[in-house]
Amino acid sequence: MGEDDFGHLERLASELDSRGLLARVVTTQSGRAFVRVINPKATSLTENVVCKSADYWWSWGERMHRADDPAGAATKVARVLAAVGE
């Protein structure tokens, strides 16, 4: 993981926090980093987002959004993690 990828993850976490989601960058012992996101209104709604090759990726391996637009990526994550009626 490059420093750019880590910076992209930090910016995404900040965007998600500003939308009322709980988000933090987690680094594993192997050095892999991801953003852990939780909807505090429905804590079973969670997602781990990784950044590689200048893109954000969903936990299931599908490209989600380009990393130079954390606001756009945060919109997608917030939509996926929205509870019914939010």
PDB file of N, CA and C in Angstrom:
ATOM      1  N   MET A   1       0.846  -1.180   0.000  1.00  0.00           N
ATOM      2  CA  MET A   1       0.000   0.000   0.000  1.00  0.00           C
ATOM      3  C   MET A   1       0.879   1.227   0.000  1.00  0.00           C
ATOM      4  N   GLY A   2       0.608   2.127  -0.907  1.00  0.00           N
ATOM      5  CA  GLY A   2       1.372   3.353  -0.983  1.00  0.00           C
ATOM      6  C   GLY A   2       0.806   4.434  -0.076  1.00  0.00           C
ATOM      7  N   GLU A   3       1.612   5.461   0.146  1.00  0.00           N
ATOM      8  CA  GLU A   3       1.162   6.586   0.975  1.00  0.00           C
ATOM      9  C   GLU A   3      -0.049   7.263   0.349  1.00  0.00           C
ATOM     10  N   ASP A   4      -0.092   7.326  -0.978  1.00  0.00           N
ATOM     11  CA  ASP A   4      -1.243   7.934  -1.652  1.00  0.00           C
ATOM     12  C   ASP A   4      -2.518   7.172  -1.319  1.00  0.00           C
ATOM     13  N   ASP A   5      -2.455   5.827  -1.354  1.00  0.00           N
ATOM     14  CA  ASP A   5      -3.628   5.020  -1.041  1.00  0.00           C
ATOM     15  C   ASP A   5      -4.091   5.285   0.388  1.00  0.00           C
ATOM     16  N   PHE A   6      -3.145   5.360   1.333  1.00  0.00           N
ATOM     17  CA  PHE A   6      -3.496   5.615   2.730  1.00  0.00           C
ATOM     18  C   PHE A   6      -4.154   6.993   2.866  1.00  0.00           C
ATOM     19  N   GLY A   7      -3.605   7.977   2.188  1.00  0.00           N
ATOM     20  CA  GLY A   7      -4.194   9.319   2.209  1.00  0.00           C
ATOM     21  C   GLY A   7      -5.601   9.330   1.635  1.00  0.00           C
ATOM     22  N   HIS A   8      -5.822   8.570   0.567  1.00  0.00           N
ATOM     23  CA  HIS A   8      -7.165   8.463  -0.012  1.00  0.00           C
ATOM     24  C   HIS A   8      -8.130   7.850   1.011  1.00  0.00           C
ATOM     25  N   LEU A   9      -7.667   6.834   1.726  1.00  0.00           N
ATOM     26  CA  LEU A   9      -8.516   6.212   2.738  1.00  0.00           C
ATOM     27  C   LEU A   9      -8.857   7.191   3.858  1.00  0.00           C
ATOM     28  N   GLU A  10      -7.877   7.977   4.289  1.00  0.00           N
ATOM     29  CA  GLU A  10      -8.129   8.967   5.339  1.00  0.00           C
ATOM     30  C   GLU A  10      -9.154  10.008   4.885  1.00  0.00           C
ATOM     31  N   ARG A  11      -9.036  10.458   3.636  1.00  0.00           N
ATOM     32  CA  ARG A  11      -9.993  11.446   3.114  1.00  0.00           C
ATOM     33  C   ARG A  11     -11.403  10.843   3.012  1.00  0.00           C
ATOM     34  N   LEU A  12     -11.483   9.579   2.606  1.00  0.00           N
ATOM     35  CA  LEU A  12     -12.784   8.917   2.538  1.00  0.00           C
ATOM     36  C   LEU A  12     -13.390   8.795   3.936  1.00  0.00           C
ATOM     37  N   ALA A  13     -12.600   8.392   4.908  1.00  0.00           N
ATOM     38  CA  ALA A  13     -13.101   8.263   6.282  1.00  0.00           C
ATOM     39  C   ALA A  13     -13.644   9.603   6.777  1.00  0.00           C
ATOM     40  N   SER A  14     -12.961  10.677   6.481  1.00  0.00           N
ATOM     41  CA  SER A  14     -13.409  12.005   6.887  1.00  0.00           C
ATOM     42  C   SER A  14     -14.752  12.354   6.238  1.00  0.00           C
ATOM     43  N   GLU A  15     -14.886  12.072   4.946  1.00  0.00           N
ATOM     44  CA  GLU A  15     -16.145  12.328   4.236  1.00  0.00           C
ATOM     45  C   GLU A  15     -17.283  11.506   4.839  1.00  0.00           C
ATOM     46  N   LEU A  16     -17.013  10.261   5.148  1.00  0.00           N
ATOM     47  CA  LEU A  16     -18.051   9.396   5.712  1.00  0.00           C
ATOM     48  C   LEU A  16     -18.462   9.876   7.099  1.00  0.00           C
ATOM     49  N   ASP A  17     -17.481  10.289   7.911  1.00  0.00           N
ATOM     50  CA  ASP A  17     -17.790  10.839   9.237  1.00  0.00           C
ATOM     51  C   ASP A  17     -18.703  12.054   9.123  1.00  0.00           C
ATOM     52  N   SER A  18     -18.432  12.909   8.144  1.00  0.00           N
ATOM     53  CA  SER A  18     -19.235  14.128   7.986  1.00  0.00           C
ATOM     54  C   SER A  18     -20.674  13.810   7.586  1.00  0.00           C
ATOM     55  N   ARG A  19     -20.919  12.594   7.126  1.00  0.00           N
ATOM     56  CA  ARG A  19     -22.273  12.170   6.734  1.00  0.00           C
ATOM     57  C   ARG A  19     -22.962  11.373   7.840  1.00  0.00           C
ATOM     58  N   GLY A  20     -22.340  11.336   9.009  1.00  0.00           N
ATOM     59  CA  GLY A  20     -22.960  10.661  10.145  1.00  0.00           C
ATOM     60  C   GLY A  20     -22.652   9.189  10.274  1.00  0.00           C
ATOM     61  N   LEU A  21     -21.778   8.675   9.423  1.00  0.00           N
ATOM     62  CA  LEU A  21     -21.361   7.279   9.541  1.00  0.00           C
ATOM     63  C   LEU A  21     -20.110   7.210  10.408  1.00  0.00           C
ATOM     64  N   LEU A  22     -19.893   6.076  11.037  1.00  0.00           N
ATOM     65  CA  LEU A  22     -18.670   5.861  11.805  1.00  0.00           C
ATOM     66  C   LEU A  22     -17.643   5.247  10.866  1.00  0.00           C
ATOM     67  N   ALA A  23     -16.516   5.911  10.690  1.00  0.00           N
ATOM     68  CA  ALA A  23     -15.507   5.428   9.744  1.00  0.00           C
ATOM     69  C   ALA A  23     -14.115   5.649  10.321  1.00  0.00           C
ATOM     70  N   ARG A  24     -13.275   4.648  10.144  1.00  0.00           N
ATOM     71  CA  ARG A  24     -11.878   4.795  10.553  1.00  0.00           C
ATOM     72  C   ARG A  24     -10.999   3.932   9.672  1.00  0.00           C
ATOM     73  N   VAL A  25      -9.762   4.385   9.508  1.00  0.00           N
ATOM     74  CA  VAL A  25      -8.794   3.614   8.739  1.00  0.00           C
ATOM     75  C   VAL A  25      -8.202   2.567   9.667  1.00  0.00           C
ATOM     76  N   VAL A  26      -8.236   1.332   9.226  1.00  0.00           N
ATOM     77  CA  VAL A  26      -7.688   0.209   9.976  1.00  0.00           C
ATOM     78  C   VAL A  26      -6.506  -0.339   9.194  1.00  0.00           C
ATOM     79  N   THR A  27      -5.407  -0.585   9.886  1.00  0.00           N
ATOM     80  CA  THR A  27      -4.235  -1.201   9.259  1.00  0.00           C
ATOM     81  C   THR A  27      -3.997  -2.552   9.921  1.00  0.00           C
ATOM     82  N   THR A  28      -3.935  -3.597   9.117  1.00  0.00           N
ATOM     83  CA  THR A  28      -3.700  -4.938   9.644  1.00  0.00           C
ATOM     84  C   THR A  28      -2.216  -5.135   9.920  1.00  0.00           C
ATOM     85  N   GLN A  29      -1.880  -6.212  10.614  1.00  0.00           N
ATOM     86  CA  GLN A  29      -0.474  -6.511  10.901  1.00  0.00           C
ATOM     87  C   GLN A  29       0.327  -6.709   9.620  1.00  0.00           C
ATOM     88  N   SER A  30      -0.324  -7.165   8.570  1.00  0.00           N
ATOM     89  CA  SER A  30       0.374  -7.379   7.301  1.00  0.00           C
ATOM     90  C   SER A  30       0.606  -6.076   6.544  1.00  0.00           C
ATOM     91  N   GLY A  31       0.028  -4.971   7.054  1.00  0.00           N
ATOM     92  CA  GLY A  31       0.205  -3.680   6.406  1.00  0.00           C
ATOM     93  C   GLY A  31      -0.929  -3.287   5.488  1.00  0.00           C
ATOM     94  N   ARG A  32      -1.888  -4.168   5.287  1.00  0.00           N
ATOM     95  CA  ARG A  32      -3.046  -3.854   4.456  1.00  0.00           C
ATOM     96  C   ARG A  32      -3.932  -2.871   5.214  1.00  0.00           C
ATOM     97  N   ALA A  33      -4.423  -1.861   4.534  1.00  0.00           N
ATOM     98  CA  ALA A  33      -5.280  -0.862   5.182  1.00  0.00           C
ATOM     99  C   ALA A  33      -6.624  -0.797   4.461  1.00  0.00           C
ATOM    100  N   PHE A  34      -7.648  -0.437   5.214  1.00  0.00           N
ATOM    101  CA  PHE A  34      -8.988  -0.277   4.662  1.00  0.00           C
ATOM    102  C   PHE A  34      -9.764   0.664   5.563  1.00  0.00           C
ATOM    103  N   VAL A  35     -10.877   1.180   5.049  1.00  0.00           N
ATOM    104  CA  VAL A  35     -11.773   1.983   5.862  1.00  0.00           C
ATOM    105  C   VAL A  35     -12.902   1.073   6.333  1.00  0.00           C
ATOM    106  N   ARG A  36     -13.062   0.999   7.639  1.00  0.00           N
ATOM    107  CA  ARG A  36     -14.172   0.255   8.244  1.00  0.00           C
ATOM    108  C   ARG A  36     -15.294   1.263   8.461  1.00  0.00           C
ATOM    109  N   VAL A  37     -16.466   1.002   7.892  1.00  0.00           N
ATOM    110  CA  VAL A  37     -17.589   1.931   7.963  1.00  0.00           C
ATOM    111  C   VAL A  37     -18.770   1.225   8.624  1.00  0.00           C
ATOM    112  N   ILE A  38     -19.404   1.933   9.564  1.00  0.00           N
ATOM    113  CA  ILE A  38     -20.574   1.403  10.261  1.00  0.00           C
ATOM    114  C   ILE A  38     -21.658   2.478  10.274  1.00  0.00           C
ATOM    115  N   ASN A  39     -22.887   2.061  10.015  1.00  0.00           N
ATOM    116  CA  ASN A  39     -24.026   2.960  10.169  1.00  0.00           C
ATOM    117  C   ASN A  39     -24.430   2.897  11.645  1.00  0.00           C
ATOM    118  N   PRO A  40     -24.250   3.988  12.411  1.00  0.00           N
ATOM    119  CA  PRO A  40     -24.556   3.936  13.840  1.00  0.00           C
ATOM    120  C   PRO A  40     -26.049   3.766  14.144  1.00  0.00           C
ATOM    121  N   LYS A  41     -26.909   4.023  13.164  1.00  0.00           N
ATOM    122  CA  LYS A  41     -28.349   3.844  13.356  1.00  0.00           C
ATOM    123  C   LYS A  41     -28.793   2.409  13.095  1.00  0.00           C
ATOM    124  N   ALA A  42     -27.907   1.634  12.470  1.00  0.00           N
ATOM    125  CA  ALA A  42     -28.182   0.223  12.168  1.00  0.00           C
ATOM    126  C   ALA A  42     -26.827  -0.473  12.093  1.00  0.00           C
ATOM    127  N   THR A  43     -26.298  -0.836  13.250  1.00  0.00           N
ATOM    128  CA  THR A  43     -24.898  -1.288  13.322  1.00  0.00           C
ATOM    129  C   THR A  43     -24.606  -2.593  12.581  1.00  0.00           C
ATOM    130  N   SER A  44     -25.633  -3.280  12.129  1.00  0.00           N
ATOM    131  CA  SER A  44     -25.373  -4.467  11.307  1.00  0.00           C
ATOM    132  C   SER A  44     -25.005  -4.074   9.874  1.00  0.00           C
ATOM    133  N   LEU A  45     -25.232  -2.801   9.519  1.00  0.00           N
ATOM    134  CA  LEU A  45     -24.879  -2.312   8.183  1.00  0.00           C
ATOM    135  C   LEU A  45     -23.443  -1.787   8.227  1.00  0.00           C
ATOM    136  N   THR A  46     -22.527  -2.586   7.685  1.00  0.00           N
ATOM    137  CA  THR A  46     -21.102  -2.248   7.705  1.00  0.00           C
ATOM    138  C   THR A  46     -20.482  -2.518   6.349  1.00  0.00           C
ATOM    139  N   GLU A  47     -19.327  -1.936   6.133  1.00  0.00           N
ATOM    140  CA  GLU A  47     -18.575  -2.180   4.893  1.00  0.00           C
ATOM    141  C   GLU A  47     -17.107  -1.875   5.156  1.00  0.00           C
ATOM    142  N   ASN A  48     -16.241  -2.592   4.469  1.00  0.00           N
ATOM    143  CA  ASN A  48     -14.812  -2.320   4.450  1.00  0.00           C
ATOM    144  C   ASN A  48     -14.448  -1.892   3.039  1.00  0.00           C
ATOM    145  N   VAL A  49     -13.856  -0.709   2.906  1.00  0.00           N
ATOM    146  CA  VAL A  49     -13.478  -0.172   1.604  1.00  0.00           C
ATOM    147  C   VAL A  49     -11.962  -0.128   1.518  1.00  0.00           C
ATOM    148  N   VAL A  50     -11.413  -0.644   0.428  1.00  0.00           N
ATOM    149  CA  VAL A  50      -9.970  -0.591   0.205  1.00  0.00           C
ATOM    150  C   VAL A  50      -9.662   0.384  -0.924  1.00  0.00           C
ATOM    151  N   CYS A  51      -8.412   0.800  -0.982  1.00  0.00           N
ATOM    152  CA  CYS A  51      -7.962   1.672  -2.059  1.00  0.00           C
ATOM    153  C   CYS A  51      -6.747   1.034  -2.704  1.00  0.00           C
ATOM    154  N   LYS A  52      -6.822   0.878  -4.009  1.00  0.00           N
ATOM    155  CA  LYS A  52      -5.667   0.368  -4.760  1.00  0.00           C
ATOM    156  C   LYS A  52      -5.767   0.873  -6.185  1.00  0.00           C
ATOM    157  N   SER A  53      -4.637   1.128  -6.762  1.00  0.00           N
ATOM    158  CA  SER A  53      -4.568   1.590  -8.150  1.00  0.00           C
ATOM    159  C   SER A  53      -5.431   2.826  -8.384  1.00  0.00           C
ATOM    160  N   ALA A  54      -5.418   3.753  -7.419  1.00  0.00           N
ATOM    161  CA  ALA A  54      -6.128   5.033  -7.517  1.00  0.00           C
ATOM    162  C   ALA A  54      -7.642   4.880  -7.603  1.00  0.00           C
ATOM    163  N   ASP A  55      -8.159   3.763  -7.083  1.00  0.00           N
ATOM    164  CA  ASP A  55      -9.600   3.530  -7.044  1.00  0.00           C
ATOM    165  C   ASP A  55      -9.993   2.991  -5.674  1.00  0.00           C
ATOM    166  N   TYR A  56     -11.243   3.252  -5.290  1.00  0.00           N
ATOM    167  CA  TYR A  56     -11.826   2.615  -4.111  1.00  0.00           C
ATOM    168  C   TYR A  56     -12.518   1.345  -4.580  1.00  0.00           C
ATOM    169  N   TRP A  57     -12.455   0.320  -3.726  1.00  0.00           N
ATOM    170  CA  TRP A  57     -13.038  -0.978  -4.051  1.00  0.00           C
ATOM    171  C   TRP A  57     -13.917  -1.449  -2.898  1.00  0.00           C
ATOM    172  N   TRP A  58     -15.067  -2.035  -3.237  1.00  0.00           N
ATOM    173  CA  TRP A  58     -15.929  -2.662  -2.248  1.00  0.00           C
ATOM    174  C   TRP A  58     -15.235  -3.892  -1.682  1.00  0.00           C
ATOM    175  N   SER A  59     -15.684  -4.365  -0.537  1.00  0.00           N
ATOM    176  CA  SER A  59     -15.073  -5.539   0.102  1.00  0.00           C
ATOM    177  C   SER A  59     -15.207  -6.798  -0.747  1.00  0.00           C
ATOM    178  N   TRP A  60     -16.185  -6.851  -1.623  1.00  0.00           N
ATOM    179  CA  TRP A  60     -16.378  -8.043  -2.453  1.00  0.00           C
ATOM    180  C   TRP A  60     -15.558  -7.994  -3.744  1.00  0.00           C
ATOM    181  N   GLY A  61     -14.692  -6.979  -3.877  1.00  0.00           N
ATOM    182  CA  GLY A  61     -13.756  -6.948  -4.988  1.00  0.00           C
ATOM    183  C   GLY A  61     -14.209  -6.178  -6.216  1.00  0.00           C
ATOM    184  N   GLU A  62     -15.305  -5.490  -6.127  1.00  0.00           N
ATOM    185  CA  GLU A  62     -15.800  -4.691  -7.254  1.00  0.00           C
ATOM    186  C   GLU A  62     -15.333  -3.241  -7.114  1.00  0.00           C
ATOM    187  N   ARG A  63     -14.849  -2.684  -8.236  1.00  0.00           N
ATOM    188  CA  ARG A  63     -14.436  -1.279  -8.224  1.00  0.00           C
ATOM    189  C   ARG A  63     -15.650  -0.420  -7.906  1.00  0.00           C
ATOM    190  N   MET A  64     -15.468   0.538  -6.988  1.00  0.00           N
ATOM    191  CA  MET A  64     -16.578   1.382  -6.571  1.00  0.00           C
ATOM    192  C   MET A  64     -16.510   2.768  -7.174  1.00  0.00           C
ATOM    193  N   HIS A  65     -15.342   3.436  -7.071  1.00  0.00           N
ATOM    194  CA  HIS A  65     -15.244   4.842  -7.451  1.00  0.00           C
ATOM    195  C   HIS A  65     -13.768   5.220  -7.552  1.00  0.00           C
ATOM    196  N   ARG A  66     -13.495   6.298  -8.242  1.00  0.00           N
ATOM    197  CA  ARG A  66     -12.105   6.750  -8.330  1.00  0.00           C
ATOM    198  C   ARG A  66     -11.701   7.426  -7.017  1.00  0.00           C
ATOM    199  N   ALA A  67     -10.458   7.236  -6.620  1.00  0.00           N
ATOM    200  CA  ALA A  67      -9.993   7.689  -5.312  1.00  0.00           C
ATOM    201  C   ALA A  67      -9.793   9.199  -5.222  1.00  0.00           C
ATOM    202  N   ASP A  68      -9.725   9.889  -6.343  1.00  0.00           N
ATOM    203  CA  ASP A  68      -9.535  11.345  -6.274  1.00  0.00           C
ATOM    204  C   ASP A  68     -10.855  12.082  -6.030  1.00  0.00           C
ATOM    205  N   ASP A  69     -11.933  11.346  -5.781  1.00  0.00           N
ATOM    206  CA  ASP A  69     -13.236  11.934  -5.491  1.00  0.00           C
ATOM    207  C   ASP A  69     -13.846  11.261  -4.254  1.00  0.00           C
ATOM    208  N   PRO A  70     -13.280  11.537  -3.066  1.00  0.00           N
ATOM    209  CA  PRO A  70     -13.801  10.873  -1.867  1.00  0.00           C
ATOM    210  C   PRO A  70     -15.254  11.230  -1.567  1.00  0.00           C
ATOM    211  N   ALA A  71     -15.702  12.427  -1.944  1.00  0.00           N
ATOM    212  CA  ALA A  71     -17.098  12.803  -1.705  1.00  0.00           C
ATOM    213  C   ALA A  71     -18.040  11.925  -2.520  1.00  0.00           C
ATOM    214  N   GLY A  72     -17.699  11.673  -3.773  1.00  0.00           N
ATOM    215  CA  GLY A  72     -18.515  10.800  -4.604  1.00  0.00           C
ATOM    216  C   GLY A  72     -18.550   9.377  -4.082  1.00  0.00           C
ATOM    217  N   ALA A  73     -17.400   8.896  -3.621  1.00  0.00           N
ATOM    218  CA  ALA A  73     -17.336   7.547  -3.054  1.00  0.00           C
ATOM    219  C   ALA A  73     -18.158   7.472  -1.774  1.00  0.00           C
ATOM    220  N   ALA A  74     -18.073   8.515  -0.937  1.00  0.00           N
ATOM    221  CA  ALA A  74     -18.825   8.529   0.318  1.00  0.00           C
ATOM    222  C   ALA A  74     -20.325   8.508   0.045  1.00  0.00           C
ATOM    223  N   THR A  75     -20.761   9.168  -0.998  1.00  0.00           N
ATOM    224  CA  THR A  75     -22.177   9.154  -1.362  1.00  0.00           C
ATOM    225  C   THR A  75     -22.624   7.728  -1.671  1.00  0.00           C
ATOM    226  N   LYS A  76     -21.810   6.995  -2.414  1.00  0.00           N
ATOM    227  CA  LYS A  76     -22.156   5.606  -2.755  1.00  0.00           C
ATOM    228  C   LYS A  76     -22.201   4.726  -1.513  1.00  0.00           C
ATOM    229  N   VAL A  77     -21.203   4.861  -0.643  1.00  0.00           N
ATOM    230  CA  VAL A  77     -21.166   4.048   0.571  1.00  0.00           C
ATOM    231  C   VAL A  77     -22.368   4.378   1.455  1.00  0.00           C
ATOM    232  N   ALA A  78     -22.659   5.664   1.625  1.00  0.00           N
ATOM    233  CA  ALA A  78     -23.797   6.070   2.458  1.00  0.00           C
ATOM    234  C   ALA A  78     -25.106   5.501   1.913  1.00  0.00           C
ATOM    235  N   ARG A  79     -25.244   5.468   0.602  1.00  0.00           N
ATOM    236  CA  ARG A  79     -26.465   4.926  -0.013  1.00  0.00           C
ATOM    237  C   ARG A  79     -26.578   3.422   0.267  1.00  0.00           C
ATOM    238  N   VAL A  80     -25.472   2.707   0.173  1.00  0.00           N
ATOM    239  CA  VAL A  80     -25.491   1.254   0.398  1.00  0.00           C
ATOM    240  C   VAL A  80     -25.766   0.940   1.870  1.00  0.00           C
ATOM    241  N   LEU A  81     -25.234   1.757   2.777  1.00  0.00           N
ATOM    242  CA  LEU A  81     -25.387   1.489   4.207  1.00  0.00           C
ATOM    243  C   LEU A  81     -26.598   2.173   4.837  1.00  0.00           C
ATOM    244  N   ALA A  82     -27.426   2.806   4.044  1.00  0.00           N
ATOM    245  CA  ALA A  82     -28.606   3.484   4.595  1.00  0.00           C
ATOM    246  C   ALA A  82     -29.612   2.468   5.122  1.00  0.00           C
ATOM    247  N   ALA A  83     -30.129   2.749   6.300  1.00  0.00           N
ATOM    248  CA  ALA A  83     -31.190   1.921   6.867  1.00  0.00           C
ATOM    249  C   ALA A  83     -32.511   2.252   6.174  1.00  0.00           C
ATOM    250  N   VAL A  84     -33.444   1.344   6.200  1.00  0.00           N
ATOM    251  CA  VAL A  84     -34.758   1.582   5.603  1.00  0.00           C
ATOM    252  C   VAL A  84     -35.358   2.824   6.265  1.00  0.00           C
ATOM    253  N   GLY A  85     -35.827   3.747   5.454  1.00  0.00           N
ATOM    254  CA  GLY A  85     -36.444   4.953   5.963  1.00  0.00           C
ATOM    255  C   GLY A  85     -35.497   6.114   6.192  1.00  0.00           C
ATOM    256  N   GLU A  86     -34.197   5.902   5.976  1.00  0.00           N
ATOM    257  CA  GLU A  86     -33.227   7.006   6.135  1.00  0.00           C
ATOM    258  C   GLU A  86     -33.219   7.882   4.918  1.00  0.00           C
TER     259      GLU A  86
END
